[in-house]
N, C-alpha and C. Protein backbone atom coordinates (compact mmCIF):
# COMPACT_ATOMS: atom_id res chain seq x y z
N UNK A 1 110.55 120.93 75.94
CA UNK A 1 110.91 120.10 75.04
C UNK A 1 111.31 118.71 76.31
N UNK A 2 111.68 119.23 77.56
CA UNK A 2 112.62 118.15 78.18
C UNK A 2 110.94 117.48 78.88
N UNK A 3 109.73 117.93 79.03
CA UNK A 3 108.99 117.23 79.52
C UNK A 3 108.42 116.43 78.47
N UNK A 4 108.47 116.64 77.04
CA UNK A 4 108.11 115.85 75.64
C UNK A 4 109.12 114.66 75.56
N UNK A 5 110.27 114.52 76.40
CA UNK A 5 110.79 113.47 76.43
C UNK A 5 110.79 112.66 77.25
N UNK A 6 110.64 113.36 78.51
CA UNK A 6 110.14 112.28 79.58
C UNK A 6 108.67 111.35 79.37
N UNK A 7 107.47 112.28 78.77
CA UNK A 7 106.43 111.42 78.44
C UNK A 7 106.90 110.43 77.44
N UNK A 8 107.47 110.76 76.13
CA UNK A 8 108.11 109.82 75.14
C UNK A 8 108.58 108.49 75.70
N UNK A 9 109.69 108.91 76.51
CA UNK A 9 110.49 107.85 77.24
C UNK A 9 109.30 107.11 78.31
N UNK A 10 108.70 107.64 78.76
CA UNK A 10 107.68 106.59 79.77
C UNK A 10 106.68 106.05 78.98
N UNK A 11 106.40 106.67 77.72
CA UNK A 11 105.35 105.93 76.84
C UNK A 11 106.02 104.50 76.59
N UNK A 12 107.38 104.88 75.75
CA UNK A 12 108.07 103.35 75.28
C UNK A 12 108.15 102.30 76.40
N UNK A 13 108.50 103.06 77.51
CA UNK A 13 108.69 102.07 78.23
C UNK A 13 107.44 101.30 79.04
N UNK A 14 106.42 101.77 79.03
CA UNK A 14 105.15 101.24 79.28
C UNK A 14 104.80 100.12 77.93
N UNK A 15 105.18 100.45 76.92
CA UNK A 15 105.01 99.69 75.80
C UNK A 15 105.70 98.66 75.99
N UNK A 16 107.01 98.65 75.94
CA UNK A 16 107.74 97.55 76.44
C UNK A 16 107.46 96.66 77.45
N UNK A 17 107.25 96.95 78.48
CA UNK A 17 106.56 96.52 79.68
C UNK A 17 105.44 95.62 79.19
N UNK A 18 104.57 95.87 78.59
CA UNK A 18 103.30 95.47 78.25
C UNK A 18 103.41 94.21 76.97
N UNK A 19 104.57 94.57 76.30
CA UNK A 19 104.60 93.78 75.11
C UNK A 19 105.69 92.64 75.27
N UNK A 20 106.51 93.13 76.55
CA UNK A 20 107.47 91.98 76.73
C UNK A 20 106.94 90.61 77.30
N UNK A 21 105.99 90.21 77.79
CA UNK A 21 105.67 89.05 77.72
C UNK A 21 105.07 88.16 76.46
N UNK A 22 104.42 88.94 75.84
CA UNK A 22 104.20 88.21 74.21
C UNK A 22 105.54 88.14 73.65
N UNK A 23 106.60 88.85 73.84
CA UNK A 23 107.77 88.89 72.97
C UNK A 23 108.85 87.35 73.57
N UNK A 24 108.54 86.95 74.97
CA UNK A 24 109.37 86.08 75.83
C UNK A 24 108.72 84.97 75.53
N UNK A 25 107.15 84.92 75.46
CA UNK A 25 106.35 83.55 75.49
C UNK A 25 105.51 83.64 74.18
N UNK A 26 106.43 83.45 73.00
CA UNK A 26 106.03 83.55 72.00
C UNK A 26 104.65 82.37 71.67
N UNK A 27 104.91 81.33 71.95
CA UNK A 27 104.32 79.74 71.66
C UNK A 27 103.15 79.67 72.85
N UNK A 28 103.70 78.88 74.21
CA UNK A 28 103.19 78.86 74.81
C UNK A 28 103.34 79.24 76.48
N UNK A 29 102.67 80.07 77.19
CA UNK A 29 103.19 80.22 78.49
C UNK A 29 103.33 79.41 79.37
N UNK A 30 104.30 79.33 80.22
CA UNK A 30 104.78 78.16 81.43
C UNK A 30 103.44 78.00 82.13
N UNK A 31 103.47 76.76 82.69
CA UNK A 31 101.80 76.19 83.57
C UNK A 31 102.48 77.40 84.81
N UNK A 32 103.36 77.64 85.32
CA UNK A 32 103.61 78.53 86.45
C UNK A 32 102.84 79.98 86.07
N UNK A 33 103.42 80.77 84.85
CA UNK A 33 102.36 81.65 84.20
C UNK A 33 100.93 81.85 84.23
N UNK A 34 100.57 80.50 84.06
CA UNK A 34 99.29 80.24 83.73
C UNK A 34 98.45 80.65 85.30
N UNK A 35 99.00 79.71 85.97
CA UNK A 35 98.61 79.88 87.33
C UNK A 35 98.49 80.84 88.08
N UNK A 36 99.57 82.03 87.64
CA UNK A 36 99.34 83.11 88.48
C UNK A 36 98.37 83.84 87.88
N UNK A 37 98.07 83.98 86.69
CA UNK A 37 96.88 84.74 85.80
C UNK A 37 95.78 84.29 86.31
N UNK A 38 95.73 83.24 86.72
CA UNK A 38 94.56 82.77 87.44
C UNK A 38 94.28 83.17 89.19
N UNK A 39 95.36 83.49 89.71
CA UNK A 39 95.51 83.18 91.08
C UNK A 39 95.59 84.86 91.45
N UNK A 40 96.37 85.41 90.61
CA UNK A 40 96.57 86.79 91.22
C UNK A 40 95.78 87.87 91.40
N UNK A 41 94.81 88.01 90.03
CA UNK A 41 93.97 88.78 90.36
C UNK A 41 92.70 88.68 91.62
N UNK A 42 92.24 87.68 92.06
CA UNK A 42 91.42 87.60 93.22
C UNK A 42 92.30 88.17 94.37
N UNK A 43 93.52 87.75 94.06
CA UNK A 43 94.50 87.78 95.77
C UNK A 43 94.80 89.14 95.45
N UNK A 44 95.19 90.25 94.77
CA UNK A 44 95.16 91.19 94.76
C UNK A 44 93.76 92.21 95.21
N UNK A 45 92.56 91.45 94.39
CA UNK A 45 91.36 92.22 95.04
C UNK A 45 91.36 92.02 96.55
N UNK A 46 91.23 90.72 96.86
CA UNK A 46 91.37 90.71 98.44
C UNK A 46 92.31 91.53 99.28
N UNK A 47 93.49 91.47 98.84
CA UNK A 47 94.37 92.16 99.27
C UNK A 47 93.96 94.18 99.66
N UNK A 48 93.07 94.36 98.41
CA UNK A 48 92.63 96.07 98.33
C UNK A 48 91.55 95.96 99.18
N UNK A 49 90.75 94.86 99.58
CA UNK A 49 89.59 94.97 100.55
C UNK A 49 90.24 95.10 101.66
N UNK A 50 91.29 94.39 102.03
CA UNK A 50 91.58 94.57 103.21
C UNK A 50 92.38 95.65 103.82
N UNK A 51 93.09 96.20 102.58
CA UNK A 51 93.61 97.75 103.00
C UNK A 51 92.56 98.70 103.19
N UNK A 52 91.42 98.59 102.45
CA UNK A 52 90.36 99.79 102.53
C UNK A 52 89.56 99.46 103.57
N UNK A 53 89.25 98.49 104.37
CA UNK A 53 88.59 98.18 105.68
C UNK A 53 89.41 98.27 106.74
N UNK A 54 90.76 98.13 106.60
CA UNK A 54 91.81 97.88 108.18
C UNK A 54 91.60 99.58 109.02
N UNK A 55 91.36 100.70 108.31
CA UNK A 55 91.18 101.38 109.57
C UNK A 55 89.70 101.82 109.96
N UNK A 56 88.88 100.65 109.84
CA UNK A 56 87.52 100.99 110.38
C UNK A 56 87.53 100.92 111.71
N UNK A 57 87.14 101.76 112.61
CA UNK A 57 86.76 101.95 114.04
C UNK A 57 85.12 101.75 114.42
N UNK A 58 84.97 100.37 114.93
CA UNK A 58 83.32 100.06 115.25
C UNK A 58 82.94 101.01 116.60
N UNK A 59 83.91 101.46 117.29
CA UNK A 59 83.67 102.15 118.67
C UNK A 59 83.82 103.80 118.29
N UNK A 60 83.60 104.41 117.21
CA UNK A 60 83.60 105.47 117.11
C UNK A 60 82.56 106.04 115.86
N UNK A 61 81.46 106.95 116.02
CA UNK A 61 80.49 106.87 115.32
C UNK A 61 81.19 107.25 113.78
N UNK A 62 80.79 107.13 112.62
CA UNK A 62 79.43 106.13 112.29
C UNK A 62 79.66 104.45 112.32
N UNK A 63 80.61 104.19 113.12
CA UNK A 63 80.56 102.66 113.44
C UNK A 63 80.97 101.66 112.43
N UNK A 64 81.49 102.28 111.21
CA UNK A 64 81.86 101.51 109.96
C UNK A 64 80.53 101.15 109.07
N UNK A 65 79.46 101.85 109.47
CA UNK A 65 78.54 101.68 108.54
C UNK A 65 78.51 102.07 107.32
N UNK A 66 79.04 103.31 106.56
CA UNK A 66 79.10 103.40 104.95
C UNK A 66 80.12 102.07 104.45
N UNK A 67 81.27 101.83 105.17
CA UNK A 67 82.47 100.99 104.65
C UNK A 67 81.26 99.46 104.24
N UNK A 68 80.41 99.09 105.69
CA UNK A 68 79.91 97.90 105.33
C UNK A 68 78.74 98.05 104.30
N UNK A 69 77.92 99.03 104.54
CA UNK A 69 76.89 99.28 103.35
C UNK A 69 77.45 99.02 102.15
N UNK A 70 78.96 99.69 101.75
CA UNK A 70 79.29 99.91 100.17
C UNK A 70 79.99 98.41 100.08
N UNK A 71 80.28 97.72 100.94
CA UNK A 71 80.56 96.56 100.90
C UNK A 71 79.33 95.22 100.44
N UNK A 72 78.19 95.60 101.31
CA UNK A 72 77.38 94.73 100.70
C UNK A 72 76.71 95.02 99.35
N UNK A 73 76.96 96.14 99.20
CA UNK A 73 75.85 96.74 97.95
C UNK A 73 76.98 96.11 96.70
N UNK A 74 78.39 96.13 96.76
CA UNK A 74 79.32 95.54 95.89
C UNK A 74 78.67 94.17 95.25
N UNK A 75 78.88 93.53 96.80
CA UNK A 75 78.82 92.24 96.50
C UNK A 75 77.25 91.61 95.74
N UNK A 76 76.34 92.51 96.66
CA UNK A 76 75.12 92.22 95.48
C UNK A 76 74.77 92.47 94.36
N UNK A 77 75.60 93.57 93.99
CA UNK A 77 75.84 93.74 92.57
C UNK A 77 76.38 93.10 91.74
N UNK A 78 77.37 92.71 92.26
CA UNK A 78 78.33 91.69 91.95
C UNK A 78 77.66 90.23 91.27
N UNK A 79 76.85 89.86 92.50
CA UNK A 79 76.11 88.57 92.50
C UNK A 79 75.26 88.82 91.23
N UNK A 80 74.43 89.99 91.33
CA UNK A 80 73.18 90.03 90.25
C UNK A 80 73.80 90.06 89.09
N UNK A 81 74.81 91.12 88.71
CA UNK A 81 75.18 91.21 87.42
C UNK A 81 76.57 90.89 86.80
N UNK A 82 77.30 90.39 87.96
CA UNK A 82 78.61 89.80 87.41
C UNK A 82 79.74 90.50 86.53
N UNK A 83 79.65 91.76 86.78
CA UNK A 83 80.19 92.75 86.03
C UNK A 83 81.13 93.84 87.21
N UNK A 84 82.44 93.70 87.28
CA UNK A 84 83.14 94.38 88.09
C UNK A 84 83.14 95.93 87.91
N UNK A 85 82.94 96.56 87.01
CA UNK A 85 82.90 97.84 86.70
C UNK A 85 81.60 98.56 87.48
N UNK A 86 80.61 97.59 87.14
CA UNK A 86 79.02 97.88 87.76
C UNK A 86 79.23 97.88 89.31
N UNK A 87 80.00 96.67 89.80
CA UNK A 87 79.94 96.36 91.39
C UNK A 87 80.57 97.72 91.89
N UNK A 88 81.78 97.80 91.57
CA UNK A 88 82.63 99.28 91.77
C UNK A 88 82.11 100.20 91.83
N UNK A 89 81.44 100.62 90.51
CA UNK A 89 80.57 101.76 90.97
C UNK A 89 79.62 102.25 91.60
N UNK A 90 78.75 101.18 91.96
CA UNK A 90 77.58 100.85 93.07
C UNK A 90 78.05 100.99 94.30
N UNK A 91 79.15 100.33 94.56
CA UNK A 91 79.99 100.41 95.98
C UNK A 91 80.35 101.71 96.20
N UNK A 92 80.89 102.58 95.26
CA UNK A 92 81.57 104.05 95.38
C UNK A 92 80.18 104.85 95.54
N UNK A 93 79.52 105.07 94.57
CA UNK A 93 78.05 105.59 94.84
C UNK A 93 77.73 105.54 96.24
N UNK A 94 77.39 104.44 96.55
CA UNK A 94 76.76 104.01 98.00
C UNK A 94 77.53 104.88 98.87
N UNK A 95 79.05 104.56 99.01
CA UNK A 95 79.62 105.18 100.18
C UNK A 95 79.63 106.55 100.22
N UNK A 96 79.89 107.23 98.55
CA UNK A 96 79.80 108.72 98.95
C UNK A 96 78.32 109.02 99.12
N UNK A 97 77.22 108.46 99.08
CA UNK A 97 76.28 109.10 99.52
C UNK A 97 76.35 108.92 100.72
N UNK A 98 76.36 107.53 101.27
CA UNK A 98 76.03 107.41 102.92
C UNK A 98 77.20 108.64 103.84
N UNK A 99 78.00 108.79 103.26
CA UNK A 99 79.47 109.94 103.93
C UNK A 99 78.82 111.32 103.61
N UNK A 100 78.10 111.78 102.64
CA UNK A 100 77.77 112.93 102.46
C UNK A 100 76.30 113.16 103.07
N UNK A 101 75.35 112.41 103.20
CA UNK A 101 73.96 112.70 103.17
C UNK A 101 73.68 112.16 104.52
N UNK A 102 74.30 110.82 105.06
CA UNK A 102 73.73 110.02 106.45
C UNK A 102 74.62 110.53 107.48
N UNK A 103 76.08 110.35 107.41
CA UNK A 103 77.07 110.83 108.47
C UNK A 103 77.14 112.32 108.79
């Protein structure tokens, strides 16, 4: 019973957090919110890339090969397909294959 209450509470909180912007900005969102909507997604992706690549050691085998190859494949896939999900999937598969079979 306790778990059901916890899950229900979290579901309600999640729903309210997602609905809150629509309740606050019923007509037109402020320019600042529109600006954040355009700027934050690329900034967050950039921060995630930096975070993922920060521990690469080019002095130790495999010299960053899996990470660099996966990043290049992500860029190429995104330029060709313009689909984030495909790009992420390609990069993940390339990284897993290289770390499993090459390194």
